[in-house]
């Protein structure tokens, strides 16, 4: 399948050619590699997004409870320090 890219500047094309040369690839192969790596990374993130959402959902209640405990502890400390003055 072919893809036509029209919106690159002359400077970007020069940089693309330099990158291709440095990697001993044709411009076409380099573009295919860049797009492939981008899509593979995107697929990786999409596959793990649900896992991370579920893990965060498990942690939130514990954090909320910890915050409540800390709030109570701070209130007790505040009361004790105000009575000790």
C-alpha atoms as a PDB file:
ATOM      1  CA  UNK A   1       0.000   0.000   0.000  1.00  0.00           C
ATOM      2  CA  UNK A   2       1.244   3.484  -0.782  1.00  0.00           C
ATOM      3  CA  UNK A   3       0.917   6.655   1.250  1.00  0.00           C
ATOM      4  CA  UNK A   4       1.551  10.106  -0.188  1.00  0.00           C
ATOM      5  CA  UNK A   5       2.856  12.716   2.264  1.00  0.00           C
ATOM      6  CA  UNK A   6       2.430  16.282   1.027  1.00  0.00           C
ATOM      7  CA  UNK A   7       2.847  18.484   4.069  1.00  0.00           C
ATOM      8  CA  UNK A   8       6.554  18.130   4.885  1.00  0.00           C
ATOM      9  CA  UNK A   9       8.808  21.150   4.508  1.00  0.00           C
ATOM     10  CA  UNK A  10      12.054  21.054   2.554  1.00  0.00           C
ATOM     11  CA  UNK A  11      13.956  21.138   5.841  1.00  0.00           C
ATOM     12  CA  UNK A  12      11.985  18.168   7.160  1.00  0.00           C
ATOM     13  CA  UNK A  13      12.723  16.210   3.980  1.00  0.00           C
ATOM     14  CA  UNK A  14      16.437  16.945   4.345  1.00  0.00           C
ATOM     15  CA  UNK A  15      16.306  15.743   7.971  1.00  0.00           C
ATOM     16  CA  UNK A  16      14.358  12.660   6.920  1.00  0.00           C
ATOM     17  CA  UNK A  17      16.953  11.846   4.270  1.00  0.00           C
ATOM     18  CA  UNK A  18      19.766  12.320   6.807  1.00  0.00           C
ATOM     19  CA  UNK A  19      18.047   9.999   9.290  1.00  0.00           C
ATOM     20  CA  UNK A  20      17.479   7.427   6.576  1.00  0.00           C
ATOM     21  CA  UNK A  21      21.127   7.601   5.543  1.00  0.00           C
ATOM     22  CA  UNK A  22      22.320   7.317   9.172  1.00  0.00           C
ATOM     23  CA  UNK A  23      20.156   4.210   9.606  1.00  0.00           C
ATOM     24  CA  UNK A  24      21.178   2.789   6.211  1.00  0.00           C
ATOM     25  CA  UNK A  25      17.557   2.770   5.059  1.00  0.00           C
ATOM     26  CA  UNK A  26      15.688   4.274   2.180  1.00  0.00           C
ATOM     27  CA  UNK A  27      13.387   7.191   2.945  1.00  0.00           C
ATOM     28  CA  UNK A  28      10.407   4.890   2.342  1.00  0.00           C
ATOM     29  CA  UNK A  29      11.689   2.181   4.695  1.00  0.00           C
ATOM     30  CA  UNK A  30      12.448   4.749   7.407  1.00  0.00           C
ATOM     31  CA  UNK A  31       8.955   6.241   7.169  1.00  0.00           C
ATOM     32  CA  UNK A  32       7.438   2.747   7.315  1.00  0.00           C
ATOM     33  CA  UNK A  33       9.562   1.945  10.371  1.00  0.00           C
ATOM     34  CA  UNK A  34       8.603   5.189  12.145  1.00  0.00           C
ATOM     35  CA  UNK A  35       4.893   4.697  11.470  1.00  0.00           C
ATOM     36  CA  UNK A  36       5.072   1.018  12.453  1.00  0.00           C
ATOM     37  CA  UNK A  37       6.807   1.797  15.745  1.00  0.00           C
ATOM     38  CA  UNK A  38       4.287   4.533  16.489  1.00  0.00           C
ATOM     39  CA  UNK A  39       1.352   2.215  15.840  1.00  0.00           C
ATOM     40  CA  UNK A  40       2.894  -0.640  17.826  1.00  0.00           C
ATOM     41  CA  UNK A  41       3.416   1.721  20.763  1.00  0.00           C
ATOM     42  CA  UNK A  42      -0.123   2.989  20.471  1.00  0.00           C
ATOM     43  CA  UNK A  43      -1.437  -0.591  20.429  1.00  0.00           C
ATOM     44  CA  UNK A  44       0.657  -1.389  23.497  1.00  0.00           C
ATOM     45  CA  UNK A  45      -0.810   1.558  25.379  1.00  0.00           C
ATOM     46  CA  UNK A  46      -4.359   0.732  24.322  1.00  0.00           C
ATOM     47  CA  UNK A  47      -3.954  -2.880  25.428  1.00  0.00           C
ATOM     48  CA  UNK A  48      -2.740  -1.832  28.863  1.00  0.00           C
ATOM     49  CA  UNK A  49      -5.053   1.134  29.393  1.00  0.00           C
ATOM     50  CA  UNK A  50      -7.795  -1.084  30.881  1.00  0.00           C
ATOM     51  CA  UNK A  51      -5.337  -2.744  33.233  1.00  0.00           C
ATOM     52  CA  UNK A  52      -4.107   0.606  34.547  1.00  0.00           C
ATOM     53  CA  UNK A  53      -7.643   1.946  34.944  1.00  0.00           C
ATOM     54  CA  UNK A  54      -8.598  -1.106  37.008  1.00  0.00           C
ATOM     55  CA  UNK A  55      -5.495  -0.815  39.185  1.00  0.00           C
ATOM     56  CA  UNK A  56      -6.098   2.877  39.814  1.00  0.00           C
ATOM     57  CA  UNK A  57      -9.734   2.115  40.638  1.00  0.00           C
ATOM     58  CA  UNK A  58      -8.507  -0.326  43.306  1.00  0.00           C
ATOM     59  CA  UNK A  59      -6.099   2.203  44.816  1.00  0.00           C
ATOM     60  CA  UNK A  60      -8.474   5.190  45.033  1.00  0.00           C
ATOM     61  CA  UNK A  61     -10.631   3.820  47.894  1.00  0.00           C
ATOM     62  CA  UNK A  62      -7.518   3.028  49.940  1.00  0.00           C
ATOM     63  CA  UNK A  63      -6.165   6.534  49.352  1.00  0.00           C
ATOM     64  CA  UNK A  64      -9.487   8.072  50.344  1.00  0.00           C
ATOM     65  CA  UNK A  65      -9.511   6.028  53.559  1.00  0.00           C
ATOM     66  CA  UNK A  66      -5.916   7.032  54.299  1.00  0.00           C
ATOM     67  CA  UNK A  67      -6.832  10.671  53.781  1.00  0.00           C
ATOM     68  CA  UNK A  68      -9.728  10.322  56.249  1.00  0.00           C
ATOM     69  CA  UNK A  69      -7.458   8.708  58.838  1.00  0.00           C
ATOM     70  CA  UNK A  70      -4.854  11.441  58.378  1.00  0.00           C
ATOM     71  CA  UNK A  71      -7.550  14.116  58.703  1.00  0.00           C
ATOM     72  CA  UNK A  72      -8.753  12.586  61.985  1.00  0.00           C
ATOM     73  CA  UNK A  73      -5.195  12.312  63.275  1.00  0.00           C
ATOM     74  CA  UNK A  74      -4.508  15.951  62.409  1.00  0.00           C
ATOM     75  CA  UNK A  75      -7.725  17.025  64.117  1.00  0.00           C
ATOM     76  CA  UNK A  76      -6.741  15.143  67.266  1.00  0.00           C
ATOM     77  CA  UNK A  77      -3.258  16.674  67.203  1.00  0.00           C
ATOM     78  CA  UNK A  78      -4.739  20.143  66.698  1.00  0.00           C
ATOM     79  CA  UNK A  79      -7.090  19.672  69.681  1.00  0.00           C
ATOM     80  CA  UNK A  80      -4.257  18.408  71.868  1.00  0.00           C
ATOM     81  CA  UNK A  81      -1.982  21.279  70.923  1.00  0.00           C
ATOM     82  CA  UNK A  82      -4.696  23.873  71.505  1.00  0.00           C
ATOM     83  CA  UNK A  83      -5.404  22.440  74.991  1.00  0.00           C
ATOM     84  CA  UNK A  84      -1.700  22.326  75.802  1.00  0.00           C
ATOM     85  CA  UNK A  85      -1.176  26.081  75.223  1.00  0.00           C
END
